Amino acid sequence: MQDTVPGWFHVDLQPPVVLGFTPPEWDISNDSSRIIHVEFIDSIAGVDSNTVLLYVQGHPLRPGCRESPGPPDRGSTRGTRSSSWSTTRLAAGIHWTDNDSVHWCLEAADSPDLCDSNFTNPCHDFFVHTSGPVEVIAWPWDSAITACADQAIRITITILSWWTGPAST
């Protein structure tokens, strides 16, 4: 009888990792058609593309992930795989308008041969603000007639902030 039995296996206890995303967290976008782009990777078991969901404003979207297979690991067909996905509000069927806050979450799991998958579920927010400041000529009043060669003009500029009301006046 042999004293040892040769063999090896990998242990993957970590979920897929997000490498990057746009727009950045808490970004203020002036584009109501802003693209959400997420890149993620699982370096041992690989990302199970069947588990990838992007929730935008609570709406689940099953993306067609672009996968990049890495080099095979010791004769295996599984290697480091990264995935990325992009969507626009129109492709998602979601309408963003001025002063919207957009909340999105990625759900993805790896693809181990044995035991349950490791899931990741990071969430992020950004804001859509397509309008500029509001300006009003406060003095002289509208349609006033002045005879002053050096007439002063007073303009009030209000920058609207949708989470706190007027930010400055």
C-alpha atoms as a PDB file:
ATOM      1  CA  MET A   1       0.000   0.000   0.000  1.00  0.00           C
ATOM      2  CA  GLN A   2       1.210   3.500  -0.861  1.00  0.00           C
ATOM      3  CA  ASP A   3       2.006   5.994   1.889  1.00  0.00           C
ATOM      4  CA  THR A   4       0.987   9.025  -0.206  1.00  0.00           C
ATOM      5  CA  VAL A   5      -1.511   9.696  -2.944  1.00  0.00           C
ATOM      6  CA  PRO A   6      -0.406  12.386  -5.406  1.00  0.00           C
ATOM      7  CA  GLY A   7      -2.903  15.001  -6.533  1.00  0.00           C
ATOM      8  CA  TRP A   8      -3.783  18.651  -6.334  1.00  0.00           C
ATOM      9  CA  PHE A   9      -6.795  20.942  -6.288  1.00  0.00           C
ATOM     10  CA  HIS A  10      -7.533  24.661  -5.943  1.00  0.00           C
ATOM     11  CA  VAL A  11      -9.547  26.273  -3.171  1.00  0.00           C
ATOM     12  CA  ASP A  12     -11.451  29.400  -4.220  1.00  0.00           C
ATOM     13  CA  LEU A  13     -13.116  31.121  -1.266  1.00  0.00           C
ATOM     14  CA  GLN A  14     -13.368  34.577  -2.834  1.00  0.00           C
ATOM     15  CA  PRO A  15     -16.172  35.924  -5.067  1.00  0.00           C
ATOM     16  CA  PRO A  16     -15.497  37.696  -8.343  1.00  0.00           C
ATOM     17  CA  VAL A  17     -13.777  41.046  -7.858  1.00  0.00           C
ATOM     18  CA  VAL A  18     -14.835  44.292  -9.527  1.00  0.00           C
ATOM     19  CA  LEU A  19     -11.818  45.740 -11.346  1.00  0.00           C
ATOM     20  CA  GLY A  20     -13.479  49.015 -12.230  1.00  0.00           C
ATOM     21  CA  PHE A  21     -16.693  50.725 -13.201  1.00  0.00           C
ATOM     22  CA  THR A  22     -18.019  53.924 -14.727  1.00  0.00           C
ATOM     23  CA  PRO A  23     -19.477  56.287 -13.885  1.00  0.00           C
ATOM     24  CA  PRO A  24     -17.546  56.685 -10.623  1.00  0.00           C
ATOM     25  CA  GLU A  25     -19.359  56.479  -7.300  1.00  0.00           C
ATOM     26  CA  TRP A  26     -21.431  59.647  -6.628  1.00  0.00           C
ATOM     27  CA  ASP A  27     -20.522  61.082 -10.040  1.00  0.00           C
ATOM     28  CA  ILE A  28     -22.707  63.865 -11.389  1.00  0.00           C
ATOM     29  CA  SER A  29     -23.369  63.236 -15.065  1.00  0.00           C
ATOM     30  CA  ASN A  30     -24.811  65.764 -17.473  1.00  0.00           C
ATOM     31  CA  ASP A  31     -25.643  62.937 -19.894  1.00  0.00           C
ATOM     32  CA  SER A  32     -29.104  61.400 -19.518  1.00  0.00           C
ATOM     33  CA  SER A  33     -27.916  58.476 -21.689  1.00  0.00           C
ATOM     34  CA  ARG A  34     -24.947  57.668 -19.448  1.00  0.00           C
ATOM     35  CA  ILE A  35     -23.415  54.240 -20.009  1.00  0.00           C
ATOM     36  CA  ILE A  36     -22.871  51.983 -17.004  1.00  0.00           C
ATOM     37  CA  HIS A  37     -19.760  49.868 -17.558  1.00  0.00           C
ATOM     38  CA  VAL A  38     -18.494  47.228 -15.106  1.00  0.00           C
ATOM     39  CA  GLU A  39     -15.402  45.011 -15.323  1.00  0.00           C
ATOM     40  CA  PHE A  40     -14.978  42.050 -12.985  1.00  0.00           C
ATOM     41  CA  ILE A  41     -12.774  38.978 -12.641  1.00  0.00           C
ATOM     42  CA  ASP A  42     -12.429  35.714 -10.755  1.00  0.00           C
ATOM     43  CA  SER A  43      -8.861  34.503 -10.969  1.00  0.00           C
ATOM     44  CA  ILE A  44      -9.375  30.862  -9.922  1.00  0.00           C
ATOM     45  CA  ALA A  45     -12.767  29.412 -10.868  1.00  0.00           C
ATOM     46  CA  GLY A  46     -13.721  32.062 -13.411  1.00  0.00           C
ATOM     47  CA  VAL A  47     -16.948  34.070 -13.592  1.00  0.00           C
ATOM     48  CA  ASP A  48     -20.133  32.080 -14.216  1.00  0.00           C
ATOM     49  CA  SER A  49     -21.749  34.244 -16.911  1.00  0.00           C
ATOM     50  CA  ASN A  50     -25.137  32.651 -16.151  1.00  0.00           C
ATOM     51  CA  THR A  51     -25.151  34.334 -12.725  1.00  0.00           C
ATOM     52  CA  VAL A  52     -24.358  37.862 -13.899  1.00  0.00           C
ATOM     53  CA  LEU A  53     -27.173  40.356 -13.351  1.00  0.00           C
ATOM     54  CA  LEU A  54     -27.052  44.112 -13.293  1.00  0.00           C
ATOM     55  CA  TYR A  55     -29.826  45.763 -11.327  1.00  0.00           C
ATOM     56  CA  VAL A  56     -30.484  49.350 -12.401  1.00  0.00           C
ATOM     57  CA  GLN A  57     -33.071  51.177 -10.305  1.00  0.00           C
ATOM     58  CA  GLY A  58     -34.177  47.732  -9.098  1.00  0.00           C
ATOM     59  CA  HIS A  59     -34.747  46.379 -12.629  1.00  0.00           C
ATOM     60  CA  PRO A  60     -32.782  43.146 -13.245  1.00  0.00           C
ATOM     61  CA  LEU A  61     -30.914  43.046 -16.547  1.00  0.00           C
ATOM     62  CA  ARG A  62     -29.190  39.898 -17.751  1.00  0.00           C
ATOM     63  CA  PRO A  63     -26.235  41.062 -19.782  1.00  0.00           C
ATOM     64  CA  GLY A  64     -24.438  39.321 -22.544  1.00  0.00           C
ATOM     65  CA  CYS A  65     -21.040  39.343 -20.843  1.00  0.00           C
ATOM     66  CA  ARG A  66     -17.899  39.689 -22.838  1.00  0.00           C
ATOM     67  CA  GLU A  67     -15.519  37.111 -21.410  1.00  0.00           C
ATOM     68  CA  SER A  68     -11.779  37.059 -21.831  1.00  0.00           C
ATOM     69  CA  PRO A  69     -10.412  33.591 -21.122  1.00  0.00           C
ATOM     70  CA  GLY A  70      -6.937  33.580 -19.691  1.00  0.00           C
ATOM     71  CA  PRO A  71      -4.288  30.946 -20.205  1.00  0.00           C
ATOM     72  CA  PRO A  72      -5.307  27.423 -19.205  1.00  0.00           C
ATOM     73  CA  ASP A  73      -4.185  26.366 -15.745  1.00  0.00           C
ATOM     74  CA  ARG A  74      -2.252  23.073 -15.667  1.00  0.00           C
ATOM     75  CA  GLY A  75      -4.087  21.478 -18.536  1.00  0.00           C
ATOM     76  CA  SER A  76      -7.484  22.756 -17.436  1.00  0.00           C
ATOM     77  CA  THR A  77      -9.685  24.722 -19.790  1.00  0.00           C
ATOM     78  CA  ARG A  78     -10.507  27.025 -16.901  1.00  0.00           C
ATOM     79  CA  GLY A  79      -8.223  29.974 -16.309  1.00  0.00           C
ATOM     80  CA  THR A  80      -8.414  33.563 -15.237  1.00  0.00           C
ATOM     81  CA  ARG A  81     -11.508  35.052 -16.794  1.00  0.00           C
ATOM     82  CA  SER A  82     -12.570  38.624 -16.726  1.00  0.00           C
ATOM     83  CA  SER A  83     -15.923  39.913 -17.831  1.00  0.00           C
ATOM     84  CA  SER A  84     -17.289  43.309 -18.598  1.00  0.00           C
ATOM     85  CA  TRP A  85     -20.678  44.701 -19.378  1.00  0.00           C
ATOM     86  CA  SER A  86     -22.076  48.026 -20.491  1.00  0.00           C
ATOM     87  CA  THR A  87     -25.591  49.345 -20.773  1.00  0.00           C
ATOM     88  CA  THR A  88     -27.344  52.565 -21.591  1.00  0.00           C
ATOM     89  CA  ARG A  89     -30.661  53.609 -20.130  1.00  0.00           C
ATOM     90  CA  LEU A  90     -32.313  53.076 -23.518  1.00  0.00           C
ATOM     91  CA  ALA A  91     -31.005  49.521 -23.861  1.00  0.00           C
ATOM     92  CA  ALA A  92     -32.221  48.855 -20.336  1.00  0.00           C
ATOM     93  CA  GLY A  93     -35.611  50.407 -21.050  1.00  0.00           C
ATOM     94  CA  ILE A  94     -35.074  52.796 -18.150  1.00  0.00           C
ATOM     95  CA  HIS A  95     -35.616  56.525 -18.443  1.00  0.00           C
ATOM     96  CA  TRP A  96     -33.309  58.924 -16.619  1.00  0.00           C
ATOM     97  CA  THR A  97     -34.178  62.576 -16.473  1.00  0.00           C
ATOM     98  CA  ASP A  98     -32.700  65.685 -14.925  1.00  0.00           C
ATOM     99  CA  ASN A  99     -32.130  65.402 -11.174  1.00  0.00           C
ATOM    100  CA  ASP A 100     -32.413  61.595 -11.082  1.00  0.00           C
ATOM    101  CA  SER A 101     -30.249  59.554  -8.775  1.00  0.00           C
ATOM    102  CA  VAL A 102     -29.332  56.209 -10.321  1.00  0.00           C
ATOM    103  CA  HIS A 103     -28.678  53.184  -8.106  1.00  0.00           C
ATOM    104  CA  TRP A 104     -27.167  50.055  -9.647  1.00  0.00           C
ATOM    105  CA  CYS A 105     -25.882  46.744  -8.313  1.00  0.00           C
ATOM    106  CA  LEU A 106     -23.869  43.947  -9.898  1.00  0.00           C
ATOM    107  CA  GLU A 107     -24.597  40.356  -8.976  1.00  0.00           C
ATOM    108  CA  ALA A 108     -22.095  37.728 -10.099  1.00  0.00           C
ATOM    109  CA  ALA A 109     -20.694  34.406  -8.912  1.00  0.00           C
ATOM    110  CA  ASP A 110     -17.707  32.268  -9.689  1.00  0.00           C
ATOM    111  CA  SER A 111     -17.896  28.793 -11.170  1.00  0.00           C
ATOM    112  CA  PRO A 112     -16.367  26.172  -8.846  1.00  0.00           C
ATOM    113  CA  ASP A 113     -16.607  22.452  -9.600  1.00  0.00           C
ATOM    114  CA  LEU A 114     -17.548  21.571  -6.023  1.00  0.00           C
ATOM    115  CA  CYS A 115     -19.482  23.395  -3.276  1.00  0.00           C
ATOM    116  CA  ASP A 116     -21.515  26.568  -3.586  1.00  0.00           C
ATOM    117  CA  SER A 117     -20.404  29.519  -5.667  1.00  0.00           C
ATOM    118  CA  ASN A 118     -18.998  32.677  -4.110  1.00  0.00           C
ATOM    119  CA  PHE A 119     -21.282  35.648  -4.874  1.00  0.00           C
ATOM    120  CA  THR A 120     -20.479  39.349  -5.077  1.00  0.00           C
ATOM    121  CA  ASN A 121     -23.057  42.127  -4.970  1.00  0.00           C
ATOM    122  CA  PRO A 122     -21.494  45.619  -4.979  1.00  0.00           C
ATOM    123  CA  CYS A 123     -23.821  48.607  -5.402  1.00  0.00           C
ATOM    124  CA  HIS A 124     -23.105  52.167  -6.527  1.00  0.00           C
ATOM    125  CA  ASP A 125     -24.902  55.433  -7.231  1.00  0.00           C
ATOM    126  CA  PHE A 126     -24.530  58.368  -9.583  1.00  0.00           C
ATOM    127  CA  PHE A 127     -26.627  61.405 -10.391  1.00  0.00           C
ATOM    128  CA  VAL A 128     -28.026  62.826 -13.611  1.00  0.00           C
ATOM    129  CA  HIS A 129     -28.065  66.607 -13.715  1.00  0.00           C
ATOM    130  CA  THR A 130     -28.596  67.968 -17.215  1.00  0.00           C
ATOM    131  CA  SER A 131     -29.716  71.502 -16.428  1.00  0.00           C
ATOM    132  CA  GLY A 132     -27.414  74.344 -15.572  1.00  0.00           C
ATOM    133  CA  PRO A 133     -27.788  77.137 -13.043  1.00  0.00           C
ATOM    134  CA  VAL A 134     -30.856  79.371 -13.067  1.00  0.00           C
ATOM    135  CA  GLU A 135     -30.107  83.065 -13.482  1.00  0.00           C
ATOM    136  CA  VAL A 136     -32.487  85.998 -13.049  1.00  0.00           C
ATOM    137  CA  ILE A 137     -31.825  89.701 -13.529  1.00  0.00           C
ATOM    138  CA  ALA A 138     -32.956  91.084 -10.181  1.00  0.00           C
ATOM    139  CA  TRP A 139     -32.196  94.784 -10.799  1.00  0.00           C
ATOM    140  CA  PRO A 140     -33.315  96.664 -12.729  1.00  0.00           C
ATOM    141  CA  TRP A 141     -36.627  94.888 -12.982  1.00  0.00           C
ATOM    142  CA  ASP A 142     -37.861  93.464 -16.270  1.00  0.00           C
ATOM    143  CA  SER A 143     -38.857  96.171 -18.815  1.00  0.00           C
ATOM    144  CA  ALA A 144     -37.550  99.014 -16.601  1.00  0.00           C
ATOM    145  CA  ILE A 145     -36.431 102.233 -18.303  1.00  0.00           C
ATOM    146  CA  THR A 146     -33.305 103.791 -16.854  1.00  0.00           C
ATOM    147  CA  ALA A 147     -31.533 107.072 -17.590  1.00  0.00           C
ATOM    148  CA  CYS A 148     -28.413 106.142 -15.600  1.00  0.00           C
ATOM    149  CA  ALA A 149     -25.255 105.859 -17.722  1.00  0.00           C
ATOM    150  CA  ASP A 150     -23.650 103.775 -14.986  1.00  0.00           C
ATOM    151  CA  GLN A 151     -26.714 101.645 -14.135  1.00  0.00           C
ATOM    152  CA  ALA A 152     -25.716  98.685 -11.968  1.00  0.00           C
ATOM    153  CA  ILE A 153     -27.170  95.301 -12.805  1.00  0.00           C
ATOM    154  CA  ARG A 154     -27.827  92.684 -10.136  1.00  0.00           C
ATOM    155  CA  ILE A 155     -28.125  89.059 -11.269  1.00  0.00           C
ATOM    156  CA  THR A 156     -29.175  86.209  -8.982  1.00  0.00           C
ATOM    157  CA  ILE A 157     -27.746  82.818  -9.894  1.00  0.00           C
ATOM    158  CA  THR A 158     -29.181  79.717  -8.241  1.00  0.00           C
ATOM    159  CA  ILE A 159     -27.458  76.378  -8.515  1.00  0.00           C
ATOM    160  CA  LEU A 160     -30.067  73.737  -7.844  1.00  0.00           C
ATOM    161  CA  SER A 161     -29.083  70.723  -5.832  1.00  0.00           C
ATOM    162  CA  TRP A 162     -31.694  67.994  -5.964  1.00  0.00           C
ATOM    163  CA  TRP A 163     -30.744  66.451  -2.633  1.00  0.00           C
ATOM    164  CA  THR A 164     -30.681  69.645  -0.546  1.00  0.00           C
ATOM    165  CA  GLY A 165     -32.694  72.256  -2.465  1.00  0.00           C
ATOM    166  CA  PRO A 166     -30.958  75.474  -3.611  1.00  0.00           C
ATOM    167  CA  ALA A 167     -27.242  75.118  -2.929  1.00  0.00           C
ATOM    168  CA  SER A 168     -26.343  78.771  -3.386  1.00  0.00           C
ATOM    169  CA  THR A 169     -27.958  82.013  -4.325  1.00  0.00           C
END
